[in-house]
Amino acid sequence: CERTGERKGRMPVTSWAKYLAEGPDPAVVASYGYPKKYLVGGNWKCNGTKESVAKLVKTLNAAGPIPPWVEAVCCVPAIHIGEVLKTLRSDVAVGAQDCSATGYGAFTGELAPAMLKDFGVSWVILGHSERRTNQKESSDLVCVKTKNAIDAGLSVMVCVGETLEEREAGKIADVVLDDHLGALKGKFTDAEWEKIAIAYEPVWAIGTGKTASPEMAQEVHAMIRKWLVDNVSPAVAAKTRIQYGGSMKGANAKDLLAQPDIDGGLIGGASLKAEFITGICANAAEPK
């Protein structure tokens, strides 16, 4: 996924203000033809023993109904995927937290996306900030992994987001739009984009207990939506689900999910509790 061509310049501040004030283009929204389902993904990260995972699955299975307008996914550590697939309730899909940029073959330690698909996995998280930071994964590598995952039949939650230092330096657009999303530009067909969700995770709000206000989150989500309009297509922009991934929990889920460009969440700590269903999935109001 090497980058080619020139990127369009970002909108001037006055244009952003106008766009944000007006909200999504009704013609674009009407092009859905149907209400989008919220996408609520749980990222269990590197947590869980055999005993604790069995207990968590039992808790989630007994946590009550998930509204039909919510698509729920638990992305679990690879070693637990098999058992969770067998025991987790059928209305919660099972996803992985990463996959390789390669296929089958002499790639010791890697996990090919085709293996995940063959096992029954339907989603994979790619480009999470912890991997971008700890494993030094580049946006171009995330693009390659995304293409391989889609080719294998998986759907992908592609993570984007800025650090506190980047936010304070006014570089949100540079990082989120130009780098993280810029690597995807021109690499996927509209049909392939239907297999991609964008998870906006302000890095400064992950695992810190800090959360962007609903208005702060909505502003960046609207920027992402507008980038999709300008760089992919209005139809893709309308259909793509943009999740919020900055410490969403039961206490703030309702207000965050009420924002017009927030289509779900990528949940960390709260996904290890019944709250994932009772406080987040159940708090997603029916789309109009």
Protein backbone atom coordinates (compact mmCIF):
# COMPACT_ATOMS: atom_id res chain seq x y z
CA CYS A 1 0.00 0.00 0.00
CA GLU A 2 2.59 2.55 -1.05
CA ARG A 3 1.10 6.00 -1.34
CA THR A 4 0.66 7.58 -4.72
CA GLY A 5 -0.64 10.91 -5.96
CA GLU A 6 -1.22 14.19 -4.21
CA ARG A 7 -3.61 14.50 -1.31
CA LYS A 8 -6.25 17.16 -1.42
CA GLY A 9 -5.61 20.12 0.84
CA ARG A 10 -7.52 20.29 4.08
CA MET A 11 -10.54 22.51 4.38
CA PRO A 12 -9.91 26.01 5.76
CA VAL A 13 -11.13 26.71 9.27
CA THR A 14 -14.16 28.64 8.03
CA SER A 15 -15.24 25.71 5.84
CA TRP A 16 -14.83 23.27 8.73
CA ALA A 17 -16.94 25.51 10.93
CA LYS A 18 -19.66 25.64 8.26
CA TYR A 19 -19.57 21.86 7.74
CA LEU A 20 -19.69 21.10 11.46
CA ALA A 21 -22.51 23.59 12.02
CA GLU A 22 -24.62 22.16 9.20
CA GLY A 23 -24.00 18.51 10.05
CA PRO A 24 -24.08 15.62 7.58
CA ASP A 25 -25.45 16.33 4.10
CA PRO A 26 -29.05 15.02 4.08
CA ALA A 27 -28.57 13.77 0.51
CA VAL A 28 -25.57 11.73 1.64
CA VAL A 29 -27.43 10.33 4.62
CA ALA A 30 -30.41 9.46 2.40
CA SER A 31 -28.11 7.44 0.16
CA TYR A 32 -27.81 4.75 2.87
CA GLY A 33 -31.23 3.42 1.95
CA TYR A 34 -31.36 1.94 5.46
CA PRO A 35 -30.36 2.90 9.01
CA LYS A 36 -26.83 1.89 9.88
CA LYS A 37 -26.30 -0.54 12.71
CA TYR A 38 -24.09 0.70 15.51
CA LEU A 39 -20.83 -1.26 15.68
CA VAL A 40 -19.72 -1.91 19.25
CA GLY A 41 -16.41 -3.75 19.42
CA GLY A 42 -14.82 -5.03 22.60
CA ASN A 43 -11.02 -5.12 22.73
CA TRP A 44 -9.98 -7.54 25.46
CA LYS A 45 -6.32 -6.68 24.81
CA CYS A 46 -3.79 -9.05 26.44
CA ASN A 47 -6.08 -10.20 29.24
CA GLY A 48 -7.54 -13.48 30.37
CA THR A 49 -6.67 -16.91 31.72
CA LYS A 50 -8.71 -19.96 30.81
CA GLU A 51 -10.62 -19.55 34.05
CA SER A 52 -11.24 -15.80 33.81
CA VAL A 53 -12.27 -15.99 30.14
CA ALA A 54 -14.79 -18.71 30.90
CA LYS A 55 -16.19 -16.54 33.70
CA LEU A 56 -16.36 -13.46 31.44
CA VAL A 57 -18.16 -15.39 28.70
CA LYS A 58 -20.68 -16.62 31.24
CA THR A 59 -21.19 -13.03 32.43
CA LEU A 60 -21.72 -11.70 28.90
CA ASN A 61 -24.05 -14.56 28.01
CA ALA A 62 -26.28 -13.64 30.95
CA ALA A 63 -26.13 -9.86 30.43
CA GLY A 64 -29.48 -9.45 28.72
CA PRO A 65 -30.59 -8.59 25.20
CA ILE A 66 -28.64 -6.62 22.60
CA PRO A 67 -30.84 -4.30 20.51
CA PRO A 68 -31.26 -5.45 16.90
CA TRP A 69 -29.75 -2.16 15.70
CA VAL A 70 -26.41 -2.96 17.39
CA GLU A 71 -23.70 -5.21 15.97
CA ALA A 72 -21.53 -6.47 18.84
CA VAL A 73 -18.07 -7.99 18.46
CA CYS A 74 -15.58 -9.24 21.07
CA CYS A 75 -11.96 -9.13 19.85
CA VAL A 76 -10.11 -11.58 22.04
CA PRO A 77 -6.49 -12.70 22.45
CA ALA A 78 -5.62 -15.21 19.74
CA ILE A 79 -5.06 -18.07 22.16
CA HIS A 80 -8.64 -17.79 23.43
CA ILE A 81 -10.40 -17.46 20.06
CA GLY A 82 -11.29 -21.15 19.72
CA GLU A 83 -12.91 -21.47 23.13
CA VAL A 84 -14.75 -18.15 22.88
CA LEU A 85 -16.13 -19.09 19.46
CA LYS A 86 -17.59 -22.24 21.00
CA THR A 87 -19.06 -20.68 24.13
CA LEU A 88 -19.97 -17.01 23.52
CA ARG A 89 -23.59 -16.10 22.79
CA SER A 90 -24.48 -16.23 19.08
CA ASP A 91 -25.46 -12.56 18.78
CA VAL A 92 -21.89 -11.42 19.59
CA ALA A 93 -19.32 -12.02 16.85
CA VAL A 94 -15.73 -12.97 17.64
CA GLY A 95 -12.83 -10.94 16.29
CA ALA A 96 -9.04 -10.89 16.50
CA GLN A 97 -6.78 -8.06 17.65
CA ASP A 98 -4.27 -8.24 14.79
CA CYS A 99 -3.29 -10.30 11.78
CA SER A 100 -0.21 -10.60 9.61
CA ALA A 101 0.66 -8.76 6.42
CA THR A 102 1.47 -12.17 4.93
CA GLY A 103 -0.38 -15.38 4.10
CA TYR A 104 0.41 -19.01 4.74
CA GLY A 105 4.06 -20.05 4.60
CA ALA A 106 7.40 -19.62 6.32
CA PHE A 107 6.37 -16.74 8.61
CA THR A 108 7.13 -17.99 12.12
CA GLY A 109 4.93 -16.47 14.78
CA GLU A 110 2.55 -14.77 12.36
CA LEU A 111 -1.23 -15.20 12.20
CA ALA A 112 -2.50 -15.15 8.63
CA PRO A 113 -5.92 -13.56 8.07
CA ALA A 114 -7.00 -16.65 6.10
CA MET A 115 -6.36 -18.72 9.25
CA LEU A 116 -8.65 -16.45 11.25
CA LYS A 117 -11.39 -16.66 8.63
CA ASP A 118 -11.07 -20.44 8.46
CA PHE A 119 -11.45 -20.64 12.24
CA GLY A 120 -14.71 -18.66 12.20
CA VAL A 121 -13.44 -15.16 13.04
CA SER A 122 -15.30 -12.35 11.28
CA TRP A 123 -13.54 -9.14 12.40
CA VAL A 124 -10.01 -7.98 13.13
CA ILE A 125 -8.66 -4.79 14.74
CA LEU A 126 -5.76 -3.27 12.81
CA GLY A 127 -3.58 -0.23 13.49
CA HIS A 128 -4.41 0.06 17.18
CA SER A 129 -2.37 2.83 18.80
CA GLU A 130 -0.66 0.33 21.09
CA ARG A 131 0.69 -1.51 18.04
CA ARG A 132 1.57 1.68 16.21
CA THR A 133 3.54 2.72 19.31
CA ASN A 134 4.93 -0.51 20.75
CA GLN A 135 5.47 -2.46 17.53
CA LYS A 136 6.26 0.66 15.44
CA GLU A 137 3.63 -0.27 12.86
CA SER A 138 3.41 2.29 10.09
CA SER A 139 0.23 3.44 8.39
CA ASP A 140 1.42 1.81 5.18
CA LEU A 141 1.81 -1.53 6.97
CA VAL A 142 -1.69 -1.15 8.42
CA CYS A 143 -2.94 -0.62 4.86
CA VAL A 144 -1.26 -3.84 3.66
CA LYS A 145 -2.73 -5.80 6.58
CA THR A 146 -6.16 -4.33 5.89
CA LYS A 147 -6.03 -5.36 2.23
CA ASN A 148 -4.91 -8.88 3.12
CA ALA A 149 -7.64 -9.21 5.76
CA ILE A 150 -10.37 -8.09 3.36
CA ASP A 151 -9.05 -10.41 0.65
CA ALA A 152 -9.36 -13.25 3.17
CA GLY A 153 -12.99 -12.37 3.88
CA LEU A 154 -12.58 -10.51 7.18
CA SER A 155 -14.04 -7.16 8.15
CA VAL A 156 -11.62 -4.65 9.66
CA MET A 157 -11.74 -1.99 12.36
CA VAL A 158 -8.95 0.38 11.30
CA CYS A 159 -7.78 2.51 14.22
CA VAL A 160 -6.72 6.13 13.87
CA GLY A 161 -6.02 8.80 16.46
CA GLU A 162 -3.68 11.39 17.88
CA THR A 163 -1.58 11.63 21.04
CA LEU A 164 -2.01 14.42 23.57
CA GLU A 165 1.13 16.13 22.27
CA GLU A 166 -0.17 16.00 18.69
CA ARG A 167 -3.56 17.38 19.75
CA GLU A 168 -2.01 20.24 21.70
CA ALA A 169 0.25 21.03 18.73
CA GLY A 170 -2.79 21.33 16.46
CA LYS A 171 -1.83 18.24 14.43
CA ILE A 172 -5.05 16.24 14.64
CA ALA A 173 -5.68 16.54 10.90
CA ASP A 174 -2.03 15.87 10.05
CA VAL A 175 -2.05 12.61 11.98
CA VAL A 176 -5.60 11.31 11.58
CA LEU A 177 -6.40 12.47 8.04
CA ASP A 178 -3.06 12.85 6.26
CA ASP A 179 -1.15 9.94 7.80
CA HIS A 180 -3.48 7.29 9.20
CA LEU A 181 -6.29 7.66 6.66
CA GLY A 182 -4.03 8.96 3.91
CA ALA A 183 -2.36 5.56 3.66
CA LEU A 184 -5.73 4.03 2.68
CA LYS A 185 -6.48 6.53 -0.07
CA GLY A 186 -6.99 4.95 -3.47
CA LYS A 187 -6.26 1.43 -2.21
CA PHE A 188 -9.76 0.01 -1.86
CA THR A 189 -12.85 -0.26 -4.03
CA ASP A 190 -16.21 0.94 -2.74
CA ALA A 191 -17.14 -2.72 -2.21
CA GLU A 192 -14.01 -3.24 -0.10
CA TRP A 193 -14.79 -0.13 1.95
CA GLU A 194 -18.02 -1.86 3.01
CA LYS A 195 -15.76 -4.22 5.00
CA ILE A 196 -13.97 -1.36 6.80
CA ALA A 197 -14.96 0.55 9.94
CA ILE A 198 -12.88 3.47 11.23
CA ALA A 199 -12.20 3.51 14.98
CA TYR A 200 -11.17 6.96 16.18
CA GLU A 201 -9.16 6.53 19.36
CA PRO A 202 -7.70 9.69 20.87
CA VAL A 203 -4.58 8.08 22.34
CA TRP A 204 -4.60 10.40 25.34
CA ALA A 205 -8.00 8.99 26.37
CA ILE A 206 -7.16 5.26 26.20
CA GLY A 207 -6.91 3.59 29.58
CA THR A 208 -6.41 6.94 31.31
CA GLY A 209 -9.98 7.50 32.45
CA LYS A 210 -9.98 10.73 30.41
CA THR A 211 -12.61 10.98 27.72
CA ALA A 212 -13.15 13.50 24.97
CA SER A 213 -16.44 15.29 25.46
CA PRO A 214 -19.17 14.18 23.04
CA GLU A 215 -18.67 17.46 21.19
CA MET A 216 -14.89 16.97 20.92
CA ALA A 217 -15.35 13.43 19.65
CA GLN A 218 -18.04 14.50 17.18
CA GLU A 219 -15.78 17.18 15.72
CA VAL A 220 -13.09 14.65 14.76
CA HIS A 221 -15.65 12.11 13.58
CA ALA A 222 -17.11 14.77 11.29
CA MET A 223 -13.61 15.48 9.94
CA ILE A 224 -13.20 11.77 9.19
CA ARG A 225 -16.60 11.63 7.47
CA LYS A 226 -15.70 14.65 5.34
CA TRP A 227 -12.34 13.06 4.43
CA LEU A 228 -14.24 10.01 3.19
CA VAL A 229 -16.53 12.23 1.10
CA ASP A 230 -13.58 14.03 -0.49
CA ASN A 231 -11.16 11.11 -0.88
CA VAL A 232 -13.34 8.04 -1.41
CA SER A 233 -16.96 8.82 -2.26
CA PRO A 234 -20.11 10.28 -0.69
CA ALA A 235 -21.69 6.82 -0.77
CA VAL A 236 -18.81 5.27 1.15
CA ALA A 237 -18.81 8.18 3.60
CA ALA A 238 -22.48 7.58 4.28
CA LYS A 239 -22.13 3.86 4.86
CA THR A 240 -18.83 3.70 6.76
CA ARG A 241 -19.25 3.29 10.50
CA ILE A 242 -16.95 5.49 12.59
CA GLN A 243 -16.47 4.16 16.12
CA TYR A 244 -15.30 6.13 19.12
CA GLY A 245 -12.47 4.42 20.99
CA GLY A 246 -11.52 6.70 23.86
CA SER A 247 -12.68 5.13 27.14
CA MET A 248 -16.35 4.69 26.24
CA LYS A 249 -18.24 3.13 29.13
CA GLY A 250 -21.74 2.88 30.51
CA ALA A 251 -21.59 6.32 32.09
CA ASN A 252 -20.91 8.17 28.82
CA ALA A 253 -22.04 5.80 26.05
CA LYS A 254 -25.52 7.26 25.62
CA ASP A 255 -24.28 10.83 25.08
CA LEU A 256 -21.44 9.76 22.78
CA LEU A 257 -23.65 7.50 20.66
CA ALA A 258 -26.19 10.31 20.29
CA GLN A 259 -23.70 12.31 18.18
CA PRO A 260 -24.54 12.28 14.46
CA ASP A 261 -21.18 10.94 13.27
CA ILE A 262 -20.49 8.44 16.07
CA ASP A 263 -21.66 5.04 14.85
CA GLY A 264 -20.45 2.86 17.70
CA GLY A 265 -17.47 2.28 19.93
CA LEU A 266 -14.26 0.32 20.34
CA ILE A 267 -14.32 -0.58 24.01
CA GLY A 268 -11.36 -1.47 26.20
CA GLY A 269 -11.78 -1.94 29.95
CA ALA A 270 -15.58 -1.98 29.93
CA SER A 271 -15.57 -4.89 27.46
CA LEU A 272 -14.33 -7.13 30.28
CA LYS A 273 -17.57 -6.61 32.23
CA ALA A 274 -21.32 -7.07 31.78
CA GLU A 275 -21.29 -3.29 31.23
CA PHE A 276 -20.20 -3.97 27.63
CA ILE A 277 -23.76 -5.11 26.96
CA THR A 278 -25.85 -3.60 29.76
CA GLY A 279 -24.22 -0.16 29.74
CA ILE A 280 -23.07 0.33 26.15
CA CYS A 281 -24.91 -1.87 23.65
CA ALA A 282 -28.20 -1.37 25.50
CA ASN A 283 -27.68 2.42 25.60
CA ALA A 284 -27.59 2.81 21.82
CA ALA A 285 -30.86 4.45 20.85
CA GLU A 286 -32.69 3.10 17.82
CA PRO A 287 -31.57 4.97 14.68
CA LYS A 288 -34.25 7.07 13.05
